[in-house]
Protein backbone atom coordinates (compact mmCIF):
# COMPACT_ATOMS: atom_id res chain seq x y z
CA ASP A 1 3.75 23.10 107.51
CA PRO A 2 4.48 21.02 110.65
CA GLY A 3 4.49 17.89 108.47
CA LEU A 4 7.67 19.03 106.71
CA ARG A 5 11.10 18.59 108.17
CA PRO A 6 14.45 19.84 106.87
CA VAL A 7 17.01 17.29 105.76
CA ALA A 8 20.68 17.69 106.48
CA ALA A 9 22.88 19.00 103.72
CA ALA A 10 24.20 16.16 101.58
CA LEU A 11 27.59 14.82 102.59
CA LYS A 12 30.38 15.85 100.26
CA SER A 13 32.12 13.26 98.10
CA ALA A 14 35.88 13.25 97.84
CA THR A 15 37.62 13.83 94.53
CA TYR A 16 36.84 10.97 92.11
CA THR A 17 39.67 9.68 89.89
CA THR A 18 39.09 7.24 87.04
CA PHE A 19 41.11 5.62 84.27
CA THR A 20 40.76 3.70 81.04
CA LEU A 21 43.37 1.37 79.51
CA ASN A 22 43.43 -1.01 76.57
CA ILE A 23 45.78 -3.89 77.44
CA LYS A 24 46.96 -5.49 74.18
CA HIS A 25 45.66 -9.05 74.15
CA ASP A 26 48.95 -10.78 73.18
CA LEU A 27 51.36 -9.17 75.65
CA GLY A 28 51.87 -12.36 77.65
CA LYS A 29 51.05 -12.88 81.30
CA ALA A 30 53.93 -11.01 82.95
CA ARG A 31 53.77 -7.86 80.81
CA ALA A 32 49.97 -7.67 80.97
CA LEU A 33 50.07 -8.07 84.76
CA ALA A 34 52.63 -5.26 85.04
CA ASP A 35 50.27 -2.98 83.10
CA MET A 36 47.35 -3.91 85.36
CA LYS A 37 49.38 -3.22 88.50
CA LYS A 38 50.29 0.23 87.23
CA ALA A 39 46.70 0.98 86.17
CA PHE A 40 45.30 0.05 89.58
CA THR A 41 47.28 2.96 91.06
CA LEU A 42 45.51 5.45 88.77
CA GLY A 43 42.05 5.72 90.26
CA ASP A 44 39.09 4.84 92.45
CA ALA A 45 37.48 3.04 89.49
CA GLY A 46 38.57 2.13 86.00
CA GLY A 47 37.82 0.34 82.77
CA PHE A 48 40.02 -2.11 80.85
CA GLN A 49 39.62 -3.26 77.25
CA GLU A 50 40.93 -6.09 75.05
CA MET A 51 41.26 -8.60 77.89
CA SER A 52 40.19 -11.54 75.75
CA ASP A 53 42.75 -13.97 77.20
CA LEU A 54 41.50 -16.04 80.13
CA GLU A 55 44.96 -15.93 81.70
CA ASP A 56 44.87 -12.13 81.81
CA ARG A 57 41.38 -12.06 83.30
CA GLN A 58 42.48 -14.49 86.00
CA SER A 59 45.44 -12.20 86.74
CA LEU A 60 43.09 -9.24 87.06
CA ILE A 61 40.84 -11.08 89.52
CA GLN A 62 43.82 -12.10 91.64
CA LEU A 63 45.20 -8.56 91.62
CA ALA A 64 41.80 -7.09 92.49
CA LYS A 65 41.53 -9.41 95.48
CA GLN A 66 45.00 -8.40 96.67
CA ARG A 67 44.17 -4.68 96.32
CA ASP A 68 40.62 -5.03 97.73
CA TYR A 69 39.04 -3.91 94.47
CA GLY A 70 35.75 -5.18 93.12
CA TRP A 71 35.34 -6.22 89.50
CA PHE A 72 32.58 -6.70 86.93
CA MET A 73 33.51 -9.19 84.22
CA PRO A 74 30.35 -11.08 83.15
CA THR A 75 30.97 -14.52 81.68
CA GLU A 76 27.83 -14.32 79.52
CA GLY A 77 29.39 -11.45 77.53
CA GLY A 78 31.60 -8.45 78.08
CA ALA A 79 34.33 -10.41 79.87
CA ALA A 80 37.01 -8.64 77.82
CA ILE A 81 35.96 -5.16 79.05
CA PRO A 82 36.04 -5.38 82.87
CA ILE A 83 35.28 -2.54 85.26
CA VAL A 84 37.09 -2.35 88.62
CA TRP A 85 36.53 -0.20 91.73
CA ASN A 86 38.01 0.39 95.17
CA ARG A 87 35.87 -1.49 97.70
CA ALA A 88 37.00 0.82 100.49
CA ARG A 89 34.99 3.53 98.73
CA PHE A 90 32.29 1.73 96.70
CA ARG A 91 30.09 -1.34 96.77
CA LEU A 92 28.29 -2.79 93.77
CA ILE A 93 24.57 -2.16 93.46
CA ASP A 94 24.06 -3.89 90.11
CA GLY A 95 25.64 -4.46 86.72
CA ARG A 96 24.62 -5.45 83.24
CA THR A 97 26.15 -6.19 79.85
CA ILE A 98 24.61 -5.41 76.45
CA LYS A 99 25.68 -7.06 73.19
CA THR A 100 25.98 -4.52 70.38
CA HIS A 101 26.58 -6.98 67.54
CA ASP A 102 27.57 -10.60 66.91
CA ALA A 103 31.00 -11.92 65.99
CA GLU A 104 32.14 -12.45 62.41
CA GLU A 105 34.79 -15.10 61.81
CA GLY A 106 38.09 -13.60 60.77
CA VAL A 107 36.75 -10.05 61.20
CA THR A 108 35.66 -9.20 64.74
CA PRO A 109 34.54 -10.71 68.04
CA ALA A 110 31.11 -9.85 69.38
CA ARG A 111 31.16 -6.48 71.09
CA TYR A 112 29.53 -5.36 74.34
CA ILE A 113 28.81 -2.46 76.66
CA ASN A 114 29.29 -3.07 80.40
CA VAL A 115 27.51 -0.96 83.02
CA VAL A 116 27.75 -0.87 86.81
CA ARG A 117 26.10 1.24 89.49
CA LEU A 118 28.20 1.75 92.61
CA ARG A 119 27.15 2.99 96.05
CA GLU A 120 29.62 5.33 97.72
CA GLU A 121 29.96 3.95 101.25
CA SER A 122 30.58 7.28 102.98
CA THR A 123 27.69 9.22 101.42
CA GLY A 124 25.22 6.71 99.95
CA LYS A 125 25.45 8.41 96.55
CA VAL A 126 25.32 6.40 93.33
CA PHE A 127 28.12 6.46 90.76
CA GLY A 128 27.60 4.90 87.33
CA PHE A 129 30.42 3.53 85.18
CA ILE A 130 30.07 2.46 81.53
CA ASN A 131 32.90 0.71 79.68
CA THR A 132 33.04 -0.47 76.07
CA HIS A 133 35.27 -1.37 73.09
CA THR A 134 34.06 -0.91 69.54
CA ILE A 135 34.94 -2.80 66.35
CA ALA A 136 38.43 -2.16 64.98
CA GLN A 137 39.43 -0.99 61.49
CA ALA A 138 36.03 0.40 60.52
CA SER A 139 37.28 3.98 60.63
CA TYR A 140 40.70 5.17 59.51
CA ASP A 141 41.51 8.61 60.91
CA ALA A 142 37.84 9.30 61.78
CA GLN A 143 36.47 8.52 58.34
CA ALA A 144 33.86 5.97 57.22
CA SER A 145 36.63 3.85 55.76
CA ASP A 146 35.30 0.29 55.56
CA MET A 147 31.65 0.20 54.53
CA HIS A 148 31.41 -3.49 55.49
CA LEU A 149 32.40 -2.68 59.09
CA ILE A 150 31.12 0.86 59.61
CA PRO A 151 27.44 -0.09 60.16
CA ARG A 152 28.43 -2.09 63.26
CA LEU A 153 30.48 0.82 64.61
CA ARG A 154 27.57 3.21 64.10
CA LYS A 155 25.13 0.77 65.71
CA HIS A 156 27.46 0.33 68.71
CA LEU A 157 27.67 4.10 69.23
CA ARG A 158 23.88 4.50 68.96
CA MET A 159 23.44 1.80 71.61
CA LEU A 160 26.10 3.46 73.79
CA ARG A 161 24.23 6.77 73.57
CA ASN A 162 20.99 5.05 74.59
CA GLU A 163 22.70 3.33 77.52
CA ILE A 164 24.20 6.63 78.72
CA ARG A 165 20.76 8.23 78.70
CA ARG A 166 19.18 5.24 80.44
CA LEU A 167 21.80 5.20 83.20
CA SER A 168 21.52 8.94 83.78
CA GLY A 169 17.87 8.47 84.77
CA SER A 170 18.84 6.48 87.87
CA THR A 171 22.36 7.65 88.69
CA GLU A 172 23.71 10.93 89.99
CA HIS A 173 27.34 10.63 88.85
CA VAL A 174 27.90 9.10 85.38
CA PHE A 175 31.26 8.34 83.74
CA ILE A 176 31.90 6.56 80.43
CA SER A 177 35.17 4.98 79.28
CA GLY A 178 36.26 2.95 76.31
CA ASP A 179 38.40 2.31 73.28
CA LEU A 180 36.09 3.62 70.55
CA ASN A 181 38.57 2.93 67.72
CA VAL A 182 38.00 6.39 66.21
CA ASN A 183 40.71 9.02 66.42
CA TYR A 184 39.05 11.83 68.37
CA LEU A 185 41.75 14.32 67.36
CA ALA A 186 40.49 13.98 63.78
CA ASP A 187 36.85 13.21 64.57
CA ARG A 188 36.29 16.51 66.36
CA ARG A 189 37.20 18.23 63.05
CA ARG A 190 35.60 15.84 60.55
CA ARG A 191 32.32 15.15 62.41
CA VAL A 192 31.42 12.21 60.17
CA GLU A 193 27.85 10.99 60.62
CA GLY A 194 27.49 8.28 63.24
CA LEU A 195 31.03 8.54 64.65
CA PRO A 196 31.65 9.64 68.26
CA THR A 197 31.52 13.45 67.93
CA ASP A 198 28.28 13.23 65.94
CA ALA A 199 26.70 10.27 67.76
CA LEU A 200 27.61 11.18 71.35
CA GLY A 201 28.47 14.88 71.32
CA GLY A 202 24.91 15.93 72.12
CA VAL A 203 24.92 14.05 75.43
CA VAL A 204 28.54 13.86 76.65
CA SER A 205 31.58 16.00 77.28
CA PHE A 206 34.76 14.49 75.84
CA ASP A 207 37.09 14.94 78.81
CA MET A 208 40.29 13.47 77.38
CA PRO A 209 43.32 15.74 76.87
CA LEU A 210 43.93 16.56 73.21
CA GLN A 211 46.98 14.30 72.95
CA GLY A 212 47.57 10.89 71.43
CA SER A 213 46.96 7.73 73.45
CA ARG A 214 48.03 5.29 70.71
CA GLY A 215 50.96 7.10 69.25
CA PRO A 216 51.31 10.90 69.30
CA THR A 217 48.54 11.67 66.78
CA SER A 218 45.82 9.09 67.56
CA LEU A 219 43.44 9.42 70.51
CA LEU A 220 41.30 6.26 70.62
CA ASP A 221 40.79 6.02 74.39
CA TYR A 222 37.80 8.00 75.64
CA GLY A 223 36.79 9.33 79.05
CA MET A 224 33.41 11.08 79.05
CA SER A 225 30.87 12.58 81.43
CA LEU A 226 27.34 13.83 80.79
CA LYS A 227 27.23 17.22 79.10
CA ASP A 228 24.30 18.39 81.24
CA GLY A 229 23.87 17.13 84.77
CA SER A 230 26.65 14.55 85.05
CA GLY A 231 27.28 15.26 88.72
CA LEU A 232 30.97 15.39 87.78
CA VAL A 233 33.09 18.47 87.14
CA LEU A 234 36.42 17.75 85.45
CA ASP A 235 39.47 18.96 87.34
CA GLN A 236 42.21 17.32 85.27
CA SER A 237 42.83 14.69 82.62
CA ARG A 238 46.13 13.35 81.38
CA ILE A 239 47.73 10.65 79.26
CA VAL A 240 49.80 8.24 81.36
CA HIS A 241 52.68 6.72 79.39
CA ASP A 242 55.13 3.82 79.71
CA PHE A 243 52.84 0.80 79.51
CA ASN A 244 53.74 -2.44 77.75
CA SER A 245 50.53 -2.17 75.74
CA ASP A 246 50.39 -0.28 72.45
CA HIS A 247 47.91 2.07 74.19
CA ASP A 248 48.59 4.55 76.96
CA ALA A 249 46.14 5.08 79.81
CA VAL A 250 43.87 8.09 80.20
CA GLN A 251 43.42 9.26 83.80
CA LEU A 252 40.65 11.71 84.72
CA THR A 253 39.98 13.47 88.02
CA TYR A 254 36.55 14.91 88.82
CA ARG A 255 34.92 16.92 91.56
CA PRO A 256 31.54 15.31 92.34
CA ILE A 257 28.70 17.79 92.78
CA ASP A 258 25.18 17.15 94.08
CA LEU A 259 22.49 17.25 91.43
CA PHE A 260 19.64 16.97 93.90
CA GLU A 261 19.24 20.03 96.07
CA SER A 262 18.67 19.39 99.75
CA GLY A 263 15.59 20.91 101.34
CA PRO A 264 12.24 20.00 102.90
CA LEU A 265 11.37 16.32 102.78
C-alpha cells in the first residue's frame, strides 16, 4: 500500500536505575541531608518516604536544584513521599496525588500515593513512577495484627493496585516504590488476605533482594515492576547500607525494553 510508510526502529533507552529510601522523620537536618545526598547518587529517579518535616523537604528541594534533579512534592497532599528524577534524562509530563485514607489523631497521618509520568529526553518514551507509604503498625511480621488499623492498610493496597493498572494504560515503563510496612520476607510465605503478596502479586513483580532493609530480617521497602508488560527487565537489585535512617535503601537497575513494536505507520 503506497499510503503506508515504515517507521524507524525505536531508539534504545539506557539502563534505568531507581531507588527507594525511608528517611526517619526525626533525624535532624544534618543527618537527614546526608542521607539524601547519598541517595541521590543511587539512580536516575527515586522515591523517598517519611519526609514529614518541612525542614527536610526544603533541604531536598535545595539539593535537587544543586544536582539538577526535578521533584514532585505536592503541597495539597503527599508532600512526605516525594519523587525525584534526573532532569538531564527526564522531564515531567504530569503528576498526581491520591489520598488513601484520612488522618487519625494519635494513630496515623493521612496517607497518599504519588504518581508521575516522565518523558525521556533522548527517546521520547514515557516512564511512570509511583511512590507511597502505608500506615504503620497494622501488620506485625506480615500478619493482620491490629484489626483497628488493618482495614486502612488493605484499602491503601487496593488503591495502589488500581493506580498501577491505571498508569500502565498510558505508560510504557512502570516502576513502583514505597515503604509498605509489611515484612515481605514473611508475607511471601504467609500470603495473608489483602497484604502485598495477595493484593499486588497478580499485577507486579517484587524486585527487591530477599534481604532485610530495616534490620536483617525485615524487608519493608518495596521496588516493583509490572508482572506482564512493564517495559522493564530487572538486571540487579541490592540493599544499600550505612544510612543514618533506621531503613536502608533499595537500589534497582533495569533494562528498558520496547513494548510497542515498530512497523508500518
